[in-house]
PDB file of N, CA and C in Angstrom:
ATOM      1  N   MET A   1      -7.319  52.495  35.282  1.00  0.00           N
ATOM      2  CA  MET A   1      -8.090  52.895  34.123  1.00  0.00           C
ATOM      3  C   MET A   1      -8.436  54.638  34.366  1.00  0.00           C
ATOM      4  N   THR A   2      -8.404  55.135  33.179  1.00  0.00           N
ATOM      5  CA  THR A   2      -8.746  56.663  33.201  1.00  0.00           C
ATOM      6  C   THR A   2      -9.871  56.785  34.252  1.00  0.00           C
ATOM      7  N   GLU A   3     -10.158  58.026  35.274  1.00  0.00           N
ATOM      8  CA  GLU A   3     -11.220  58.415  35.841  1.00  0.00           C
ATOM      9  C   GLU A   3     -12.223  59.218  34.863  1.00  0.00           C
ATOM     10  N   PHE A   4     -13.330  58.700  34.516  1.00  0.00           N
ATOM     11  CA  PHE A   4     -14.438  59.163  33.816  1.00  0.00           C
ATOM     12  C   PHE A   4     -15.333  59.664  34.961  1.00  0.00           C
ATOM     13  N   LYS A   5     -16.144  61.308  34.583  1.00  0.00           N
ATOM     14  CA  LYS A   5     -16.975  61.595  35.502  1.00  0.00           C
ATOM     15  C   LYS A   5     -18.309  60.866  35.182  1.00  0.00           C
ATOM     16  N   LEU A   6     -19.133  61.100  35.963  1.00  0.00           N
ATOM     17  CA  LEU A   6     -20.276  60.470  35.977  1.00  0.00           C
ATOM     18  C   LEU A   6     -21.300  60.527  34.789  1.00  0.00           C
ATOM     19  N   GLU A   7     -21.488  61.765  34.127  1.00  0.00           N
ATOM     20  CA  GLU A   7     -21.795  62.054  32.899  1.00  0.00           C
ATOM     21  C   GLU A   7     -21.042  61.646  31.773  1.00  0.00           C
ATOM     22  N   GLU A   8     -19.564  61.431  31.954  1.00  0.00           N
ATOM     23  CA  GLU A   8     -18.884  60.617  30.792  1.00  0.00           C
ATOM     24  C   GLU A   8     -19.523  59.169  30.799  1.00  0.00           C
ATOM     25  N   LYS A   9     -19.564  58.531  31.991  1.00  0.00           N
ATOM     26  CA  LYS A   9     -19.795  57.207  32.150  1.00  0.00           C
ATOM     27  C   LYS A   9     -21.372  56.739  31.428  1.00  0.00           C
ATOM     28  N   GLN A  10     -22.178  57.823  31.811  1.00  0.00           N
ATOM     29  CA  GLN A  10     -23.616  57.748  31.252  1.00  0.00           C
ATOM     30  C   GLN A  10     -23.421  57.562  29.571  1.00  0.00           C
ATOM     31  N   ILE A  11     -22.827  58.502  29.220  1.00  0.00           N
ATOM     32  CA  ILE A  11     -22.419  58.730  27.691  1.00  0.00           C
ATOM     33  C   ILE A  11     -21.949  57.479  27.019  1.00  0.00           C
ATOM     34  N   ILE A  12     -21.174  57.161  27.481  1.00  0.00           N
ATOM     35  CA  ILE A  12     -20.337  55.635  27.237  1.00  0.00           C
ATOM     36  C   ILE A  12     -21.471  54.667  27.207  1.00  0.00           C
ATOM     37  N   ILE A  13     -22.259  54.153  28.081  1.00  0.00           N
ATOM     38  CA  ILE A  13     -22.981  53.350  28.433  1.00  0.00           C
ATOM     39  C   ILE A  13     -24.066  53.545  27.468  1.00  0.00           C
ATOM     40  N   ALA A  14     -24.606  54.805  27.453  1.00  0.00           N
ATOM     41  CA  ALA A  14     -25.693  54.871  26.547  1.00  0.00           C
ATOM     42  C   ALA A  14     -25.377  54.653  25.278  1.00  0.00           C
ATOM     43  N   ILE A  15     -24.185  54.615  24.758  1.00  0.00           N
ATOM     44  CA  ILE A  15     -23.784  54.598  23.557  1.00  0.00           C
ATOM     45  C   ILE A  15     -23.525  52.976  23.086  1.00  0.00           C
ATOM     46  N   LEU A  16     -23.156  52.408  24.419  1.00  0.00           N
ATOM     47  CA  LEU A  16     -22.930  50.891  24.086  1.00  0.00           C
ATOM     48  C   LEU A  16     -24.318  50.252  24.116  1.00  0.00           C
ATOM     49  N   ILE A  17     -25.218  50.498  24.759  1.00  0.00           N
ATOM     50  CA  ILE A  17     -26.571  49.966  24.671  1.00  0.00           C
ATOM     51  C   ILE A  17     -27.148  50.536  23.352  1.00  0.00           C
ATOM     52  N   ALA A  18     -26.860  51.652  22.819  1.00  0.00           N
ATOM     53  CA  ALA A  18     -27.660  51.717  21.280  1.00  0.00           C
ATOM     54  C   ALA A  18     -26.383  50.875  20.200  1.00  0.00           C
ATOM     55  N   ILE A  19     -25.304  50.537  20.347  1.00  0.00           N
ATOM     56  CA  ILE A  19     -24.855  49.708  19.622  1.00  0.00           C
ATOM     57  C   ILE A  19     -25.442  48.428  19.714  1.00  0.00           C
ATOM     58  N   MET A  20     -25.345  47.961  21.217  1.00  0.00           N
ATOM     59  CA  MET A  20     -26.049  46.576  21.246  1.00  0.00           C
ATOM     60  C   MET A  20     -27.251  46.459  20.358  1.00  0.00           C
ATOM     61  N   GLU A  21     -28.133  47.554  20.766  1.00  0.00           N
ATOM     62  CA  GLU A  21     -29.487  47.312  20.083  1.00  0.00           C
ATOM     63  C   GLU A  21     -29.813  47.674  18.538  1.00  0.00           C
ATOM     64  N   ALA A  22     -28.901  48.078  17.880  1.00  0.00           N
ATOM     65  CA  ALA A  22     -28.742  48.694  16.588  1.00  0.00           C
ATOM     66  C   ALA A  22     -29.223  47.426  15.466  1.00  0.00           C
ATOM     67  N   ASP A  23     -28.488  46.182  15.893  1.00  0.00           N
ATOM     68  CA  ASP A  23     -28.917  45.020  14.940  1.00  0.00           C
ATOM     69  C   ASP A  23     -30.424  44.562  15.262  1.00  0.00           C
ATOM     70  N   GLY A  24     -30.918  45.064  16.126  1.00  0.00           N
ATOM     71  CA  GLY A  24     -32.338  44.021  16.575  1.00  0.00           C
ATOM     72  C   GLY A  24     -32.104  42.888  17.334  1.00  0.00           C
ATOM     73  N   VAL A  25     -31.144  42.579  17.462  1.00  0.00           N
ATOM     74  CA  VAL A  25     -30.825  41.321  18.485  1.00  0.00           C
ATOM     75  C   VAL A  25     -29.974  41.693  19.847  1.00  0.00           C
ATOM     76  N   ILE A  26     -30.154  41.256  20.702  1.00  0.00           N
ATOM     77  CA  ILE A  26     -29.640  41.674  21.646  1.00  0.00           C
ATOM     78  C   ILE A  26     -29.018  39.907  22.238  1.00  0.00           C
ATOM     79  N   ASP A  27     -27.754  39.928  22.310  1.00  0.00           N
ATOM     80  CA  ASP A  27     -27.015  38.733  22.018  1.00  0.00           C
ATOM     81  C   ASP A  27     -26.451  38.727  23.590  1.00  0.00           C
ATOM     82  N   PRO A  28     -26.585  37.376  24.485  1.00  0.00           N
ATOM     83  CA  PRO A  28     -26.057  37.276  25.629  1.00  0.00           C
ATOM     84  C   PRO A  28     -24.772  37.777  25.863  1.00  0.00           C
ATOM     85  N   HIS A  29     -23.955  37.609  24.780  1.00  0.00           N
ATOM     86  CA  HIS A  29     -22.400  38.099  25.045  1.00  0.00           C
ATOM     87  C   HIS A  29     -22.384  39.388  25.260  1.00  0.00           C
ATOM     88  N   GLU A  30     -23.492  40.374  24.084  1.00  0.00           N
ATOM     89  CA  GLU A  30     -23.475  41.691  24.489  1.00  0.00           C
ATOM     90  C   GLU A  30     -23.872  42.295  25.749  1.00  0.00           C
ATOM     91  N   THR A  31     -24.867  41.592  26.573  1.00  0.00           N
ATOM     92  CA  THR A  31     -25.249  41.716  27.772  1.00  0.00           C
ATOM     93  C   THR A  31     -24.218  41.726  28.570  1.00  0.00           C
ATOM     94  N   ASP A  32     -23.468  40.625  28.270  1.00  0.00           N
ATOM     95  CA  ASP A  32     -22.291  40.345  29.581  1.00  0.00           C
ATOM     96  C   ASP A  32     -21.154  41.425  29.288  1.00  0.00           C
ATOM     97  N   TYR A  33     -21.228  41.703  28.205  1.00  0.00           N
ATOM     98  CA  TYR A  33     -20.031  42.890  27.691  1.00  0.00           C
ATOM     99  C   TYR A  33     -20.340  44.136  28.329  1.00  0.00           C
ATOM    100  N   LEU A  34     -21.704  44.438  28.649  1.00  0.00           N
ATOM    101  CA  LEU A  34     -22.291  45.557  28.863  1.00  0.00           C
ATOM    102  C   LEU A  34     -22.080  45.645  30.406  1.00  0.00           C
ATOM    103  N   ASP A  35     -22.479  44.369  30.950  1.00  0.00           N
ATOM    104  CA  ASP A  35     -22.331  44.375  32.657  1.00  0.00           C
ATOM    105  C   ASP A  35     -20.960  44.671  32.978  1.00  0.00           C
ATOM    106  N   SER A  36     -20.098  43.869  32.325  1.00  0.00           N
ATOM    107  CA  SER A  36     -18.579  43.882  32.614  1.00  0.00           C
ATOM    108  C   SER A  36     -18.167  45.471  32.450  1.00  0.00           C
ATOM    109  N   VAL A  37     -18.469  46.124  31.447  1.00  0.00           N
ATOM    110  CA  VAL A  37     -18.102  47.491  31.494  1.00  0.00           C
ATOM    111  C   VAL A  37     -18.838  48.567  32.490  1.00  0.00           C
ATOM    112  N   ILE A  38     -19.948  47.812  33.023  1.00  0.00           N
ATOM    113  CA  ILE A  38     -20.809  48.867  33.807  1.00  0.00           C
ATOM    114  C   ILE A  38     -19.919  48.444  35.342  1.00  0.00           C
ATOM    115  N   SER A  39     -19.524  47.370  35.460  1.00  0.00           N
ATOM    116  CA  SER A  39     -18.620  46.993  36.441  1.00  0.00           C
ATOM    117  C   SER A  39     -17.382  47.810  36.826  1.00  0.00           C
ATOM    118  N   LEU A  40     -16.577  47.745  35.533  1.00  0.00           N
ATOM    119  CA  LEU A  40     -15.423  48.506  35.073  1.00  0.00           C
ATOM    120  C   LEU A  40     -15.610  49.984  35.423  1.00  0.00           C
ATOM    121  N   LEU A  41     -16.904  50.572  35.126  1.00  0.00           N
ATOM    122  CA  LEU A  41     -16.729  51.963  35.503  1.00  0.00           C
ATOM    123  C   LEU A  41     -17.121  52.422  36.683  1.00  0.00           C
ATOM    124  N   ASN A  42     -17.806  51.178  37.396  1.00  0.00           N
ATOM    125  CA  ASN A  42     -18.258  51.263  38.851  1.00  0.00           C
ATOM    126  C   ASN A  42     -19.333  52.155  38.816  1.00  0.00           C
ATOM    127  N   MET A  43     -20.431  51.746  38.069  1.00  0.00           N
ATOM    128  CA  MET A  43     -21.813  52.789  38.257  1.00  0.00           C
ATOM    129  C   MET A  43     -22.788  51.742  38.798  1.00  0.00           C
ATOM    130  N   SER A  44     -23.700  52.620  39.753  1.00  0.00           N
ATOM    131  CA  SER A  44     -24.480  52.119  40.323  1.00  0.00           C
ATOM    132  C   SER A  44     -26.121  52.156  39.626  1.00  0.00           C
ATOM    133  N   GLU A  45     -27.080  51.512  40.111  1.00  0.00           N
ATOM    134  CA  GLU A  45     -28.125  51.288  39.511  1.00  0.00           C
ATOM    135  C   GLU A  45     -29.107  52.673  39.499  1.00  0.00           C
ATOM    136  N   VAL A  46     -28.545  53.565  40.274  1.00  0.00           N
ATOM    137  CA  VAL A  46     -29.045  54.972  40.361  1.00  0.00           C
ATOM    138  C   VAL A  46     -28.580  55.743  39.273  1.00  0.00           C
ATOM    139  N   GLU A  47     -27.073  55.447  39.096  1.00  0.00           N
ATOM    140  CA  GLU A  47     -26.657  56.200  37.906  1.00  0.00           C
ATOM    141  C   GLU A  47     -26.923  55.572  36.577  1.00  0.00           C
ATOM    142  N   LEU A  48     -27.281  54.749  36.501  1.00  0.00           N
ATOM    143  CA  LEU A  48     -27.791  53.879  35.481  1.00  0.00           C
ATOM    144  C   LEU A  48     -29.248  54.380  34.953  1.00  0.00           C
ATOM    145  N   ASP A  49     -30.256  54.473  35.735  1.00  0.00           N
ATOM    146  CA  ASP A  49     -31.550  54.731  35.583  1.00  0.00           C
ATOM    147  C   ASP A  49     -31.907  56.084  34.912  1.00  0.00           C
ATOM    148  N   SER A  50     -30.897  56.986  35.013  1.00  0.00           N
ATOM    149  CA  SER A  50     -31.208  58.177  33.831  1.00  0.00           C
ATOM    150  C   SER A  50     -30.885  58.146  32.721  1.00  0.00           C
ATOM    151  N   ILE A  51     -29.986  57.251  32.359  1.00  0.00           N
ATOM    152  CA  ILE A  51     -29.413  56.783  31.138  1.00  0.00           C
ATOM    153  C   ILE A  51     -30.450  56.854  29.787  1.00  0.00           C
ATOM    154  N   ASP A  52     -31.758  56.115  30.683  1.00  0.00           N
ATOM    155  CA  ASP A  52     -32.721  56.243  29.372  1.00  0.00           C
ATOM    156  C   ASP A  52     -33.496  57.329  28.955  1.00  0.00           C
ATOM    157  N   GLU A  53     -33.436  58.360  29.797  1.00  0.00           N
ATOM    158  CA  GLU A  53     -33.985  59.946  29.486  1.00  0.00           C
ATOM    159  C   GLU A  53     -33.021  60.646  28.611  1.00  0.00           C
ATOM    160  N   LEU A  54     -31.839  60.291  28.369  1.00  0.00           N
ATOM    161  CA  LEU A  54     -30.816  60.888  27.673  1.00  0.00           C
ATOM    162  C   LEU A  54     -31.218  61.049  25.913  1.00  0.00           C
ATOM    163  N   ASP A  55     -30.964  62.143  25.446  1.00  0.00           N
ATOM    164  CA  ASP A  55     -31.599  62.159  23.900  1.00  0.00           C
ATOM    165  C   ASP A  55     -30.121  61.760  23.154  1.00  0.00           C
ATOM    166  N   PHE A  56     -30.361  60.965  22.569  1.00  0.00           N
ATOM    167  CA  PHE A  56     -28.936  60.118  21.574  1.00  0.00           C
ATOM    168  C   PHE A  56     -28.365  61.411  20.900  1.00  0.00           C
ATOM    169  N   ASN A  57     -28.745  62.265  20.332  1.00  0.00           N
ATOM    170  CA  ASN A  57     -28.244  63.124  19.424  1.00  0.00           C
ATOM    171  C   ASN A  57     -27.330  63.814  20.656  1.00  0.00           C
ATOM    172  N   LEU A  58     -27.830  64.492  21.571  1.00  0.00           N
ATOM    173  CA  LEU A  58     -27.114  65.040  22.783  1.00  0.00           C
ATOM    174  C   LEU A  58     -25.647  64.137  23.168  1.00  0.00           C
ATOM    175  N   ILE A  59     -25.867  63.027  23.040  1.00  0.00           N
ATOM    176  CA  ILE A  59     -24.973  62.183  23.664  1.00  0.00           C
ATOM    177  C   ILE A  59     -23.971  62.057  22.928  1.00  0.00           C
ATOM    178  N   VAL A  60     -24.284  62.188  21.553  1.00  0.00           N
ATOM    179  CA  VAL A  60     -23.350  61.857  20.212  1.00  0.00           C
ATOM    180  C   VAL A  60     -22.722  63.481  20.405  1.00  0.00           C
ATOM    181  N   SER A  61     -23.057  64.168  20.401  1.00  0.00           N
ATOM    182  CA  SER A  61     -22.860  66.042  20.683  1.00  0.00           C
ATOM    183  C   SER A  61     -21.724  65.794  21.856  1.00  0.00           C
ATOM    184  N   ASP A  62     -21.921  65.398  22.992  1.00  0.00           N
ATOM    185  CA  ASP A  62     -21.246  65.356  24.364  1.00  0.00           C
ATOM    186  C   ASP A  62     -20.020  64.575  24.345  1.00  0.00           C
ATOM    187  N   PHE A  63     -20.139  63.305  23.481  1.00  0.00           N
ATOM    188  CA  PHE A  63     -19.311  62.413  23.298  1.00  0.00           C
ATOM    189  C   PHE A  63     -17.985  63.344  22.523  1.00  0.00           C
ATOM    190  N   LYS A  64     -18.580  63.914  21.707  1.00  0.00           N
ATOM    191  CA  LYS A  64     -17.223  64.768  20.793  1.00  0.00           C
ATOM    192  C   LYS A  64     -16.565  65.738  21.738  1.00  0.00           C
ATOM    193  N   ARG A  65     -17.031  65.978  22.636  1.00  0.00           N
ATOM    194  CA  ARG A  65     -16.554  66.924  23.302  1.00  0.00           C
ATOM    195  C   ARG A  65     -15.454  66.282  24.588  1.00  0.00           C
ATOM    196  N   LEU A  66     -15.440  65.194  24.688  1.00  0.00           N
ATOM    197  CA  LEU A  66     -14.704  64.505  25.657  1.00  0.00           C
ATOM    198  C   LEU A  66     -13.506  64.587  25.209  1.00  0.00           C
ATOM    199  N   ASP A  67     -12.209  64.563  25.858  1.00  0.00           N
ATOM    200  CA  ASP A  67     -10.745  64.626  25.456  1.00  0.00           C
ATOM    201  C   ASP A  67     -10.511  63.479  24.675  1.00  0.00           C
ATOM    202  N   VAL A  68      -9.250  63.641  23.812  1.00  0.00           N
ATOM    203  CA  VAL A  68      -9.133  62.714  22.895  1.00  0.00           C
ATOM    204  C   VAL A  68      -8.854  61.434  23.608  1.00  0.00           C
ATOM    205  N   HIS A  69      -8.097  61.353  24.677  1.00  0.00           N
ATOM    206  CA  HIS A  69      -7.404  60.256  25.292  1.00  0.00           C
ATOM    207  C   HIS A  69      -9.084  59.247  25.643  1.00  0.00           C
ATOM    208  N   LYS A  70      -9.804  60.074  26.508  1.00  0.00           N
ATOM    209  CA  LYS A  70     -10.971  59.528  26.584  1.00  0.00           C
ATOM    210  C   LYS A  70     -11.773  58.789  25.713  1.00  0.00           C
ATOM    211  N   LYS A  71     -11.644  59.675  24.419  1.00  0.00           N
ATOM    212  CA  LYS A  71     -12.568  59.264  23.200  1.00  0.00           C
ATOM    213  C   LYS A  71     -11.805  57.944  22.882  1.00  0.00           C
ATOM    214  N   GLU A  72     -10.598  57.810  22.800  1.00  0.00           N
ATOM    215  CA  GLU A  72      -9.813  56.389  22.311  1.00  0.00           C
ATOM    216  C   GLU A  72     -10.411  55.412  23.241  1.00  0.00           C
ATOM    217  N   ILE A  73     -10.414  55.313  24.643  1.00  0.00           N
ATOM    218  CA  ILE A  73     -10.681  54.507  25.584  1.00  0.00           C
ATOM    219  C   ILE A  73     -12.096  54.011  25.275  1.00  0.00           C
ATOM    220  N   ALA A  74     -12.926  55.068  24.939  1.00  0.00           N
ATOM    221  CA  ALA A  74     -14.374  54.732  24.862  1.00  0.00           C
ATOM    222  C   ALA A  74     -14.566  53.758  23.457  1.00  0.00           C
ATOM    223  N   LYS A  75     -13.993  54.292  22.359  1.00  0.00           N
ATOM    224  CA  LYS A  75     -13.954  53.879  21.210  1.00  0.00           C
ATOM    225  C   LYS A  75     -13.667  52.577  20.960  1.00  0.00           C
ATOM    226  N   SER A  76     -12.451  51.998  21.778  1.00  0.00           N
ATOM    227  CA  SER A  76     -12.143  50.784  21.964  1.00  0.00           C
ATOM    228  C   SER A  76     -13.443  49.873  22.866  1.00  0.00           C
ATOM    229  N   LEU A  77     -14.279  50.442  23.775  1.00  0.00           N
ATOM    230  CA  LEU A  77     -15.168  49.667  24.432  1.00  0.00           C
ATOM    231  C   LEU A  77     -16.067  49.405  23.297  1.00  0.00           C
ATOM    232  N   PHE A  78     -16.630  50.618  22.538  1.00  0.00           N
ATOM    233  CA  PHE A  78     -17.549  50.437  21.535  1.00  0.00           C
ATOM    234  C   PHE A  78     -17.268  49.382  20.146  1.00  0.00           C
ATOM    235  N   ILE A  79     -16.084  49.409  19.854  1.00  0.00           N
ATOM    236  CA  ILE A  79     -15.499  48.413  18.992  1.00  0.00           C
ATOM    237  C   ILE A  79     -15.788  46.858  19.294  1.00  0.00           C
ATOM    238  N   GLU A  80     -15.346  46.567  20.934  1.00  0.00           N
ATOM    239  CA  GLU A  80     -15.389  45.339  21.386  1.00  0.00           C
ATOM    240  C   GLU A  80     -16.656  44.899  21.609  1.00  0.00           C
ATOM    241  N   MET A  81     -17.912  45.959  21.856  1.00  0.00           N
ATOM    242  CA  MET A  81     -19.301  45.869  22.046  1.00  0.00           C
ATOM    243  C   MET A  81     -19.647  45.100  20.357  1.00  0.00           C
ATOM    244  N   ALA A  82     -19.076  45.866  19.452  1.00  0.00           N
ATOM    245  CA  ALA A  82     -19.920  45.241  18.057  1.00  0.00           C
ATOM    246  C   ALA A  82     -19.229  43.869  17.688  1.00  0.00           C
ATOM    247  N   LYS A  83     -17.962  43.695  18.504  1.00  0.00           N
ATOM    248  CA  LYS A  83     -17.422  42.536  17.803  1.00  0.00           C
ATOM    249  C   LYS A  83     -17.860  41.322  19.010  1.00  0.00           C
ATOM    250  N   CYS A  84     -18.463  41.485  20.126  1.00  0.00           N
ATOM    251  CA  CYS A  84     -18.323  40.514  21.366  1.00  0.00           C
ATOM    252  C   CYS A  84     -19.199  39.383  20.625  1.00  0.00           C
ATOM    253  N   ASP A  85     -20.181  39.581  19.987  1.00  0.00           N
ATOM    254  CA  ASP A  85     -21.646  38.629  19.495  1.00  0.00           C
ATOM    255  C   ASP A  85     -20.839  37.801  18.394  1.00  0.00           C
ATOM    256  N   GLY A  86     -19.485  38.209  17.894  1.00  0.00           N
ATOM    257  CA  GLY A  86     -18.903  37.289  16.767  1.00  0.00           C
ATOM    258  C   GLY A  86     -19.123  37.860  15.633  1.00  0.00           C
ATOM    259  N   TYR A  87     -19.875  39.028  15.289  1.00  0.00           N
ATOM    260  CA  TYR A  87     -20.209  39.714  14.075  1.00  0.00           C
ATOM    261  C   TYR A  87     -20.475  41.241  14.468  1.00  0.00           C
ATOM    262  N   ALA A  88     -19.864  41.801  13.747  1.00  0.00           N
ATOM    263  CA  ALA A  88     -19.894  43.574  13.867  1.00  0.00           C
ATOM    264  C   ALA A  88     -20.657  43.633  12.690  1.00  0.00           C
ATOM    265  N   ASP A  89     -22.069  44.108  13.151  1.00  0.00           N
ATOM    266  CA  ASP A  89     -23.181  44.414  12.344  1.00  0.00           C
ATOM    267  C   ASP A  89     -22.690  45.737  11.790  1.00  0.00           C
ATOM    268  N   PRO A  90     -23.027  46.171  10.287  1.00  0.00           N
ATOM    269  CA  PRO A  90     -22.901  47.199   9.657  1.00  0.00           C
ATOM    270  C   PRO A  90     -23.599  48.390  10.417  1.00  0.00           C
ATOM    271  N   ARG A  91     -24.838  48.266  11.086  1.00  0.00           N
ATOM    272  CA  ARG A  91     -25.765  49.014  11.715  1.00  0.00           C
ATOM    273  C   ARG A  91     -24.883  49.373  13.015  1.00  0.00           C
ATOM    274  N   GLU A  92     -24.209  48.404  13.628  1.00  0.00           N
ATOM    275  CA  GLU A  92     -23.314  49.018  14.804  1.00  0.00           C
ATOM    276  C   GLU A  92     -22.341  49.752  14.400  1.00  0.00           C
ATOM    277  N   LEU A  93     -21.710  49.500  13.585  1.00  0.00           N
ATOM    278  CA  LEU A  93     -20.602  50.257  13.285  1.00  0.00           C
ATOM    279  C   LEU A  93     -20.750  51.541  12.434  1.00  0.00           C
ATOM    280  N   GLU A  94     -21.975  51.908  12.291  1.00  0.00           N
ATOM    281  CA  GLU A  94     -22.382  53.010  11.628  1.00  0.00           C
ATOM    282  C   GLU A  94     -22.510  53.812  12.788  1.00  0.00           C
ATOM    283  N   ILE A  95     -22.742  53.606  13.882  1.00  0.00           N
ATOM    284  CA  ILE A  95     -22.923  54.208  15.041  1.00  0.00           C
ATOM    285  C   ILE A  95     -21.563  54.502  15.555  1.00  0.00           C
ATOM    286  N   ILE A  96     -20.754  53.878  15.664  1.00  0.00           N
ATOM    287  CA  ILE A  96     -19.168  54.022  15.962  1.00  0.00           C
ATOM    288  C   ILE A  96     -18.723  55.244  14.891  1.00  0.00           C
ATOM    289  N   ASP A  97     -18.673  55.021  13.790  1.00  0.00           N
ATOM    290  CA  ASP A  97     -18.474  55.833  12.704  1.00  0.00           C
ATOM    291  C   ASP A  97     -18.769  57.222  12.823  1.00  0.00           C
ATOM    292  N   LYS A  98     -20.180  57.487  13.168  1.00  0.00           N
ATOM    293  CA  LYS A  98     -21.071  58.743  13.277  1.00  0.00           C
ATOM    294  C   LYS A  98     -20.003  59.534  14.715  1.00  0.00           C
ATOM    295  N   LEU A  99     -19.827  58.808  15.498  1.00  0.00           N
ATOM    296  CA  LEU A  99     -18.901  59.309  16.777  1.00  0.00           C
ATOM    297  C   LEU A  99     -17.538  60.011  16.228  1.00  0.00           C
ATOM    298  N   SER A 100     -17.125  59.580  14.755  1.00  0.00           N
ATOM    299  CA  SER A 100     -15.806  60.099  14.386  1.00  0.00           C
ATOM    300  C   SER A 100     -15.826  61.412  13.352  1.00  0.00           C
ATOM    301  N   SER A 101     -17.181  61.339  13.231  1.00  0.00           N
ATOM    302  CA  SER A 101     -17.292  62.517  12.374  1.00  0.00           C
ATOM    303  C   SER A 101     -17.884  63.875  13.027  1.00  0.00           C
TER     304      SER A 101
END
């Protein structure tokens, strides 16, 4: 897998959390998927702790500055998060769409 810098990993996780929370229901499949991505990105608890403090508008802005290849990888993770509970809620998809504009 492509190597992401810590800041990039935090951006991805923050967006995944926003997608997970968008419909107001946190499904066990979503938490399992989030855990698997955290593991895939090899993130520690300390690295995850500061994510809550990040401003979402800044996260979106930072995401848009990632290189194209990293954005494509991240978007596939976001789409999988939206679908992993069996229903891609329009509010989840709206977050993903906002990242493309």
